[in-house]
Amino acid sequence: MDVLERFNDRYPFGEHLGIELTHVEEGYVEGQLELDDHHSLSESTQLAHGAVPFGLADSLSAAAIASVEGTPGPTLDVRIDYLRPATGDIYGAAEVVRYGNDTGVVEVELTDAEDRRLATTRGVYKTNLVDGANPFVDS
């Protein structure tokens, strides 16, 4: 599977959020999200709802797993630490730090246009799906 194509052209949730992958190599991806009014907590200011950076981080993590395995595995657990509010475009880098027989661990750092850290995540994802079958995505 071409990870860029899968996530940029055939990922309805990513399209809904406005996620774009910008770089892919095995075990590592980068992407971004252009913050828009519909991402905001309020009509009077552009301040991202917490689900927006979380959605970007989880999506980048799935893409990082897919860059190793060929298909994204389902999310088992994610911890996110919000470090500052997202008030503009969000940039992220995801790295697979462990890839095992049953699970993989991915760390993500999200930043803003000034390269300030907005959030970090560490997630666990299912790997090595039986016979390549993944009921969560089109194969």
C-alpha atoms as a PDB file:
ATOM      1  CA  MET A   1       0.000   0.000   0.000  1.00  0.00           C
ATOM      2  CA  ASP A   2       1.168   3.513  -0.758  1.00  0.00           C
ATOM      3  CA  VAL A   3       0.801   5.192   2.621  1.00  0.00           C
ATOM      4  CA  LEU A   4       0.647   8.726   1.185  1.00  0.00           C
ATOM      5  CA  GLU A   5      -2.158   7.721  -1.183  1.00  0.00           C
ATOM      6  CA  ARG A   6      -4.081   5.804   1.490  1.00  0.00           C
ATOM      7  CA  PHE A   7      -4.027   8.661   3.957  1.00  0.00           C
ATOM      8  CA  ASN A   8      -4.260  11.633   1.596  1.00  0.00           C
ATOM      9  CA  ASP A   9      -6.770  10.252  -0.906  1.00  0.00           C
ATOM     10  CA  ARG A  10      -8.722   7.420   0.725  1.00  0.00           C
ATOM     11  CA  TYR A  11      -9.117   8.373   4.394  1.00  0.00           C
ATOM     12  CA  PRO A  12     -12.529  10.032   4.930  1.00  0.00           C
ATOM     13  CA  PHE A  13     -11.891  10.991   8.578  1.00  0.00           C
ATOM     14  CA  GLY A  14      -8.539  12.538   7.673  1.00  0.00           C
ATOM     15  CA  GLU A  15     -10.180  14.444   4.851  1.00  0.00           C
ATOM     16  CA  HIS A  16     -12.901  15.633   7.233  1.00  0.00           C
ATOM     17  CA  LEU A  17     -10.298  16.962   9.666  1.00  0.00           C
ATOM     18  CA  GLY A  18      -8.048  18.297   6.905  1.00  0.00           C
ATOM     19  CA  ILE A  19      -5.065  16.031   7.612  1.00  0.00           C
ATOM     20  CA  GLU A  20      -2.334  15.859   4.997  1.00  0.00           C
ATOM     21  CA  LEU A  21       0.676  13.535   5.125  1.00  0.00           C
ATOM     22  CA  THR A  22       3.757  15.372   3.880  1.00  0.00           C
ATOM     23  CA  HIS A  23       6.554  12.822   4.368  1.00  0.00           C
ATOM     24  CA  VAL A  24       6.705   9.038   4.738  1.00  0.00           C
ATOM     25  CA  GLU A  25       9.581   6.662   5.320  1.00  0.00           C
ATOM     26  CA  GLU A  26       9.576   3.297   7.034  1.00  0.00           C
ATOM     27  CA  GLY A  27       8.570   3.817  10.656  1.00  0.00           C
ATOM     28  CA  TYR A  28       8.305   7.605  10.412  1.00  0.00           C
ATOM     29  CA  VAL A  29       5.744  10.043   8.996  1.00  0.00           C
ATOM     30  CA  GLU A  30       5.109  13.760   9.055  1.00  0.00           C
ATOM     31  CA  GLY A  31       1.844  15.546   8.442  1.00  0.00           C
ATOM     32  CA  GLN A  32      -0.128  18.678   9.076  1.00  0.00           C
ATOM     33  CA  LEU A  33      -3.569  20.074   9.651  1.00  0.00           C
ATOM     34  CA  GLU A  34      -4.637  23.555   8.604  1.00  0.00           C
ATOM     35  CA  LEU A  35      -6.707  24.877  11.500  1.00  0.00           C
ATOM     36  CA  ASP A  36     -10.073  26.197  10.360  1.00  0.00           C
ATOM     37  CA  ASP A  37     -13.126  27.690  12.064  1.00  0.00           C
ATOM     38  CA  HIS A  38     -14.913  24.326  12.231  1.00  0.00           C
ATOM     39  CA  HIS A  39     -12.090  22.958  14.421  1.00  0.00           C
ATOM     40  CA  SER A  40     -12.583  25.673  17.030  1.00  0.00           C
ATOM     41  CA  LEU A  41     -13.995  25.567  20.533  1.00  0.00           C
ATOM     42  CA  SER A  42     -15.744  28.889  20.065  1.00  0.00           C
ATOM     43  CA  GLU A  43     -17.129  31.157  17.379  1.00  0.00           C
ATOM     44  CA  SER A  44     -15.147  34.132  18.645  1.00  0.00           C
ATOM     45  CA  THR A  45     -11.635  32.687  18.485  1.00  0.00           C
ATOM     46  CA  GLN A  46      -9.619  30.100  16.606  1.00  0.00           C
ATOM     47  CA  LEU A  47      -8.714  27.639  19.331  1.00  0.00           C
ATOM     48  CA  ALA A  48      -8.673  23.939  18.459  1.00  0.00           C
ATOM     49  CA  HIS A  49     -10.888  21.521  20.324  1.00  0.00           C
ATOM     50  CA  GLY A  50      -8.674  18.883  21.983  1.00  0.00           C
ATOM     51  CA  ALA A  51     -10.021  16.195  19.665  1.00  0.00           C
ATOM     52  CA  VAL A  52      -8.384  17.947  16.697  1.00  0.00           C
ATOM     53  CA  PRO A  53      -4.729  17.502  17.743  1.00  0.00           C
ATOM     54  CA  PHE A  54      -5.612  14.063  19.113  1.00  0.00           C
ATOM     55  CA  GLY A  55      -7.131  13.076  15.759  1.00  0.00           C
ATOM     56  CA  LEU A  56      -4.032  14.271  13.925  1.00  0.00           C
ATOM     57  CA  ALA A  57      -1.683  12.411  16.288  1.00  0.00           C
ATOM     58  CA  ASP A  58      -3.664   9.163  16.146  1.00  0.00           C
ATOM     59  CA  SER A  59      -3.890   9.349  12.353  1.00  0.00           C
ATOM     60  CA  LEU A  60      -0.151   9.986  12.006  1.00  0.00           C
ATOM     61  CA  SER A  61       0.497   7.040  14.321  1.00  0.00           C
ATOM     62  CA  ALA A  62      -1.651   4.744  12.179  1.00  0.00           C
ATOM     63  CA  ALA A  63       0.232   5.935   9.094  1.00  0.00           C
ATOM     64  CA  ALA A  64       3.567   5.248  10.815  1.00  0.00           C
ATOM     65  CA  ILE A  65       2.464   1.681  11.608  1.00  0.00           C
ATOM     66  CA  ALA A  66       1.251   1.311   8.007  1.00  0.00           C
ATOM     67  CA  SER A  67       4.649   2.455   6.746  1.00  0.00           C
ATOM     68  CA  VAL A  68       6.141  -0.635   8.404  1.00  0.00           C
ATOM     69  CA  GLU A  69       3.320  -3.129   8.003  1.00  0.00           C
ATOM     70  CA  GLY A  70       1.516  -2.011   4.865  1.00  0.00           C
ATOM     71  CA  THR A  71      -1.805  -1.403   6.570  1.00  0.00           C
ATOM     72  CA  PRO A  72      -2.772   0.616   9.658  1.00  0.00           C
ATOM     73  CA  GLY A  73      -3.571  -1.458  12.730  1.00  0.00           C
ATOM     74  CA  PRO A  74      -6.289  -0.481  15.165  1.00  0.00           C
ATOM     75  CA  THR A  75      -5.518   1.778  18.105  1.00  0.00           C
ATOM     76  CA  LEU A  76      -5.299  -0.054  21.428  1.00  0.00           C
ATOM     77  CA  ASP A  77      -4.301   2.781  23.754  1.00  0.00           C
ATOM     78  CA  VAL A  78      -3.077   6.393  23.489  1.00  0.00           C
ATOM     79  CA  ARG A  79      -1.880   8.878  26.051  1.00  0.00           C
ATOM     80  CA  ILE A  80      -1.824  12.543  25.051  1.00  0.00           C
ATOM     81  CA  ASP A  81      -0.223  15.402  26.938  1.00  0.00           C
ATOM     82  CA  TYR A  82      -1.484  18.826  25.854  1.00  0.00           C
ATOM     83  CA  LEU A  83       1.288  21.368  26.371  1.00  0.00           C
ATOM     84  CA  ARG A  84      -0.240  24.544  24.911  1.00  0.00           C
ATOM     85  CA  PRO A  85      -3.406  25.454  23.009  1.00  0.00           C
ATOM     86  CA  ALA A  86      -3.448  25.057  19.240  1.00  0.00           C
ATOM     87  CA  THR A  87      -4.433  28.409  17.737  1.00  0.00           C
ATOM     88  CA  GLY A  88      -3.086  27.890  14.223  1.00  0.00           C
ATOM     89  CA  ASP A  89      -1.934  25.157  11.876  1.00  0.00           C
ATOM     90  CA  ILE A  90      -0.675  21.972  13.535  1.00  0.00           C
ATOM     91  CA  TYR A  91       2.351  19.977  12.371  1.00  0.00           C
ATOM     92  CA  GLY A  92       3.215  16.489  13.521  1.00  0.00           C
ATOM     93  CA  ALA A  93       5.906  13.850  13.350  1.00  0.00           C
ATOM     94  CA  ALA A  94       5.226  10.227  14.300  1.00  0.00           C
ATOM     95  CA  GLU A  95       7.888   7.598  14.902  1.00  0.00           C
ATOM     96  CA  VAL A  96       7.485   3.883  15.529  1.00  0.00           C
ATOM     97  CA  VAL A  97       9.658   3.295  18.601  1.00  0.00           C
ATOM     98  CA  ARG A  98       8.808  -0.386  18.965  1.00  0.00           C
ATOM     99  CA  TYR A  99       7.388  -2.835  16.460  1.00  0.00           C
ATOM    100  CA  GLY A 100       6.583  -6.255  17.888  1.00  0.00           C
ATOM    101  CA  ASN A 101       4.729  -9.439  17.038  1.00  0.00           C
ATOM    102  CA  ASP A 102       1.406  -8.219  18.433  1.00  0.00           C
ATOM    103  CA  THR A 103       1.750  -4.493  19.097  1.00  0.00           C
ATOM    104  CA  GLY A 104       3.693  -1.438  18.056  1.00  0.00           C
ATOM    105  CA  VAL A 105       4.394   1.748  19.998  1.00  0.00           C
ATOM    106  CA  VAL A 106       4.366   5.123  18.278  1.00  0.00           C
ATOM    107  CA  GLU A 107       5.403   8.506  19.681  1.00  0.00           C
ATOM    108  CA  VAL A 108       4.149  11.749  18.151  1.00  0.00           C
ATOM    109  CA  GLU A 109       5.163  15.356  18.657  1.00  0.00           C
ATOM    110  CA  LEU A 110       2.785  18.088  17.519  1.00  0.00           C
ATOM    111  CA  THR A 111       4.048  21.636  16.971  1.00  0.00           C
ATOM    112  CA  ASP A 112       2.787  24.958  15.668  1.00  0.00           C
ATOM    113  CA  ALA A 113       4.192  27.153  12.890  1.00  0.00           C
ATOM    114  CA  GLU A 114       6.749  28.618  15.344  1.00  0.00           C
ATOM    115  CA  ASP A 115       7.939  25.073  16.192  1.00  0.00           C
ATOM    116  CA  ARG A 116       6.490  25.280  19.721  1.00  0.00           C
ATOM    117  CA  ARG A 117       5.387  21.938  21.150  1.00  0.00           C
ATOM    118  CA  LEU A 118       1.605  21.680  21.367  1.00  0.00           C
ATOM    119  CA  ALA A 119       1.209  18.075  22.457  1.00  0.00           C
ATOM    120  CA  THR A 120       2.927  14.718  22.653  1.00  0.00           C
ATOM    121  CA  THR A 121       1.400  11.263  22.425  1.00  0.00           C
ATOM    122  CA  ARG A 122       2.466   7.699  22.975  1.00  0.00           C
ATOM    123  CA  GLY A 123       0.174   5.069  21.528  1.00  0.00           C
ATOM    124  CA  VAL A 124      -0.065   1.316  21.235  1.00  0.00           C
ATOM    125  CA  TYR A 125      -1.334  -0.176  17.970  1.00  0.00           C
ATOM    126  CA  LYS A 126      -2.152  -3.721  16.849  1.00  0.00           C
ATOM    127  CA  THR A 127       0.424  -5.229  14.473  1.00  0.00           C
ATOM    128  CA  ASN A 128       0.773  -8.365  12.385  1.00  0.00           C
ATOM    129  CA  LEU A 129      -2.867  -8.799  11.531  1.00  0.00           C
ATOM    130  CA  VAL A 130      -3.840 -12.390  10.703  1.00  0.00           C
ATOM    131  CA  ASP A 131      -3.101 -13.169   7.044  1.00  0.00           C
ATOM    132  CA  GLY A 132      -2.919  -9.441   6.360  1.00  0.00           C
ATOM    133  CA  ALA A 133      -6.658  -9.119   7.069  1.00  0.00           C
ATOM    134  CA  ASN A 134      -7.647  -5.877   8.712  1.00  0.00           C
ATOM    135  CA  PRO A 135     -11.373  -5.487   9.412  1.00  0.00           C
ATOM    136  CA  PHE A 136     -10.864  -1.786  10.175  1.00  0.00           C
ATOM    137  CA  VAL A 137      -9.720  -0.629   6.731  1.00  0.00           C
ATOM    138  CA  ASP A 138     -10.156  -1.548   3.087  1.00  0.00           C
ATOM    139  CA  SER A 139      -7.471  -3.980   2.035  1.00  0.00           C
END
